[in-house]
N, C-alpha and C. Protein backbone atom coordinates (compact mmCIF):
# COMPACT_ATOMS: atom_id res chain seq x y z
N MET A 1 104.33 102.10 101.19
CA MET A 1 103.63 102.15 99.99
C MET A 1 104.24 100.80 99.37
N ILE A 2 105.25 100.50 99.29
CA ILE A 2 105.81 99.22 98.74
C ILE A 2 105.04 97.93 98.97
N GLU A 3 105.04 98.31 100.38
CA GLU A 3 104.54 96.91 101.41
C GLU A 3 103.16 96.62 101.07
N ILE A 4 102.52 97.46 100.75
CA ILE A 4 100.68 97.17 100.30
C ILE A 4 100.52 97.07 98.91
N GLY A 5 101.63 97.04 97.58
CA GLY A 5 101.56 96.77 96.39
C GLY A 5 102.12 97.39 95.47
N MET A 6 102.56 98.47 95.76
CA MET A 6 102.88 99.49 94.99
C MET A 6 104.22 98.93 94.40
N THR A 7 104.17 99.01 92.80
CA THR A 7 105.91 98.99 92.44
C THR A 7 106.83 100.12 92.79
N PRO A 8 108.34 99.74 92.69
CA PRO A 8 109.03 100.64 93.45
C PRO A 8 109.22 101.70 92.41
N GLY A 9 109.36 101.25 90.85
CA GLY A 9 109.19 102.71 90.12
C GLY A 9 108.29 103.46 90.37
N ALA A 10 106.84 103.10 90.82
CA ALA A 10 105.67 103.95 90.72
C ALA A 10 105.99 104.74 92.19
N ALA A 11 106.46 104.11 93.09
CA ALA A 11 107.16 104.88 94.39
C ALA A 11 107.78 105.87 94.20
N MET A 12 108.91 105.57 93.34
CA MET A 12 109.81 106.59 93.20
C MET A 12 109.32 107.85 92.16
N ALA A 13 108.43 107.62 91.69
CA ALA A 13 107.69 108.38 90.62
C ALA A 13 107.05 109.52 91.67
N PHE A 14 106.20 108.80 92.80
CA PHE A 14 105.28 109.54 93.53
C PHE A 14 106.33 110.43 94.78
N ILE A 15 107.42 109.80 95.19
CA ILE A 15 108.04 110.69 95.95
C ILE A 15 108.88 111.62 95.15
N THR A 16 109.38 111.58 94.04
CA THR A 16 110.10 112.73 93.30
C THR A 16 109.07 113.64 92.98
N ALA A 17 107.79 113.12 92.48
CA ALA A 17 106.72 114.48 92.26
C ALA A 17 106.19 115.03 93.08
N GLY A 18 106.47 114.94 94.60
CA GLY A 18 105.71 115.35 95.61
C GLY A 18 106.35 116.92 95.82
N ALA A 19 107.32 117.02 95.64
CA ALA A 19 108.07 118.35 95.82
C ALA A 19 107.72 119.23 94.55
N VAL A 20 107.53 118.91 93.56
CA VAL A 20 106.64 119.80 92.44
C VAL A 20 105.16 119.78 92.53
N SER A 21 104.74 118.82 92.99
CA SER A 21 103.17 118.74 93.13
C SER A 21 102.39 119.70 94.47
N SER A 22 103.34 120.00 94.90
CA SER A 22 102.76 119.93 96.64
C SER A 22 102.30 121.40 96.36
N VAL A 23 101.25 121.83 96.95
CA VAL A 23 100.32 123.16 96.98
C VAL A 23 101.40 124.08 97.43
N PRO A 24 101.76 124.20 98.54
CA PRO A 24 102.48 125.36 99.06
C PRO A 24 103.75 125.73 97.81
N ALA A 25 104.37 125.03 97.51
CA ALA A 25 105.60 125.08 96.68
C ALA A 25 104.99 125.46 95.28
N ALA A 26 104.10 125.28 95.04
CA ALA A 26 103.44 125.21 93.77
C ALA A 26 102.85 127.04 93.78
N ILE A 27 102.53 127.52 95.32
CA ILE A 27 102.06 128.85 95.18
C ILE A 27 103.12 129.71 95.34
N ALA A 28 104.15 129.34 95.75
CA ALA A 28 105.53 130.00 96.17
C ALA A 28 106.07 130.34 94.50
N VAL A 29 106.14 129.40 93.93
CA VAL A 29 106.59 129.61 92.30
C VAL A 29 105.57 130.31 91.62
N TRP A 30 103.97 130.03 91.40
CA TRP A 30 103.15 131.16 90.86
C TRP A 30 103.54 132.29 91.44
N ALA A 31 103.49 132.64 92.52
CA ALA A 31 103.94 134.38 92.81
C ALA A 31 105.33 134.85 92.43
N LEU A 32 106.32 133.99 91.87
CA LEU A 32 107.52 134.23 91.70
C LEU A 32 107.56 134.81 90.06
N VAL A 33 106.92 133.72 89.31
CA VAL A 33 106.84 133.65 87.94
C VAL A 33 105.85 133.81 87.13
N LYS A 34 106.03 134.17 85.64
CA LYS A 34 104.55 134.21 84.83
C LYS A 34 104.19 132.84 84.55
N LYS A 35 102.62 132.60 84.32
CA LYS A 35 102.00 131.61 83.69
C LYS A 35 102.80 130.71 82.83
N PRO A 36 103.69 130.82 81.50
CA PRO A 36 104.21 130.06 81.05
C PRO A 36 105.17 129.31 81.61
N VAL A 37 106.04 129.93 82.64
CA VAL A 37 107.44 129.90 83.37
C VAL A 37 106.61 128.58 84.49
N PHE A 38 105.81 128.92 84.92
CA PHE A 38 104.88 128.38 85.92
C PHE A 38 104.69 126.69 85.33
N LEU A 39 104.26 126.65 84.04
CA LEU A 39 103.60 125.88 83.49
C LEU A 39 104.59 125.05 83.18
N LEU A 40 105.74 125.16 82.66
CA LEU A 40 106.91 124.64 82.15
C LEU A 40 107.41 124.04 83.46
N TYR A 41 107.43 124.88 84.26
CA TYR A 41 107.98 123.86 86.04
C TYR A 41 107.24 123.06 86.31
N LEU A 42 105.73 122.97 85.97
CA LEU A 42 105.02 121.75 86.32
C LEU A 42 105.47 120.57 85.31
N ALA A 43 105.31 121.13 84.30
CA ALA A 43 105.61 119.65 83.27
C ALA A 43 107.07 119.29 83.13
N LEU A 44 107.89 120.04 83.55
CA LEU A 44 109.21 119.12 83.62
C LEU A 44 109.54 118.49 84.71
N GLY A 45 108.96 119.08 86.00
CA GLY A 45 109.09 118.53 87.13
C GLY A 45 108.27 116.91 87.03
N LEU A 46 107.33 117.22 86.55
CA LEU A 46 106.41 115.79 86.47
C LEU A 46 106.88 114.83 85.25
N THR A 47 107.25 115.26 84.17
CA THR A 47 107.77 114.47 83.42
C THR A 47 109.15 114.11 83.93
N GLY A 48 110.06 114.96 84.40
CA GLY A 48 111.28 114.02 85.26
C GLY A 48 110.76 113.11 86.31
N ALA A 49 109.53 113.15 86.92
CA ALA A 49 109.47 112.13 87.96
C ALA A 49 108.90 111.26 87.37
N MET A 50 108.05 111.01 86.03
CA MET A 50 108.13 110.02 85.51
C MET A 50 108.84 108.87 85.07
N ILE A 51 109.97 109.97 84.35
CA ILE A 51 111.24 109.57 83.80
C ILE A 51 112.03 108.39 84.58
N SER A 52 112.06 109.29 86.13
CA SER A 52 112.88 108.49 86.89
C SER A 52 112.29 107.66 87.70
N GLY A 53 110.95 107.37 87.94
CA GLY A 53 110.12 106.35 87.96
C GLY A 53 110.29 105.02 86.91
N PHE A 54 110.18 105.42 85.68
CA PHE A 54 110.18 104.45 84.74
C PHE A 54 112.17 103.85 84.78
N VAL A 55 112.69 104.64 85.14
CA VAL A 55 114.65 104.22 84.89
C VAL A 55 114.49 103.41 86.02
N TYR A 56 114.13 103.66 87.36
CA TYR A 56 114.49 103.04 88.47
C TYR A 56 113.61 101.62 88.54
N GLN A 57 112.27 101.49 87.73
CA GLN A 57 111.66 100.50 87.86
C GLN A 57 112.45 99.38 86.90
N LEU A 58 113.10 99.85 85.60
CA LEU A 58 113.85 99.33 84.46
C LEU A 58 114.83 98.68 85.06
N SER A 59 115.49 99.58 85.93
CA SER A 59 116.87 99.46 86.88
C SER A 59 116.77 97.83 87.74
N GLY A 60 115.25 97.49 87.98
CA GLY A 60 114.99 96.36 88.81
C GLY A 60 115.40 97.30 90.39
N GLY A 61 114.95 98.52 90.57
CA GLY A 61 114.98 99.26 91.91
C GLY A 61 116.35 98.89 92.55
N ALA A 62 117.28 98.79 91.76
CA ALA A 62 118.86 98.59 92.28
C ALA A 62 119.83 99.89 92.69
N ILE A 63 118.79 101.09 91.73
CA ILE A 63 120.16 102.29 91.94
C ILE A 63 120.39 102.62 93.40
């Protein structure tokens, strides 16, 4: 992805969020927890992915 123009921070966020936003994983979590917990799972996972992407980008992709 980086070879075709994606910034390192965006690539890090994309890879990190992949585990949270995958449909099979989301279905498994949905089956185990109630709706508010599931929404918190999504919110924390996607927010964490964005923050990790920002930090990675600001560090110059050297972490």
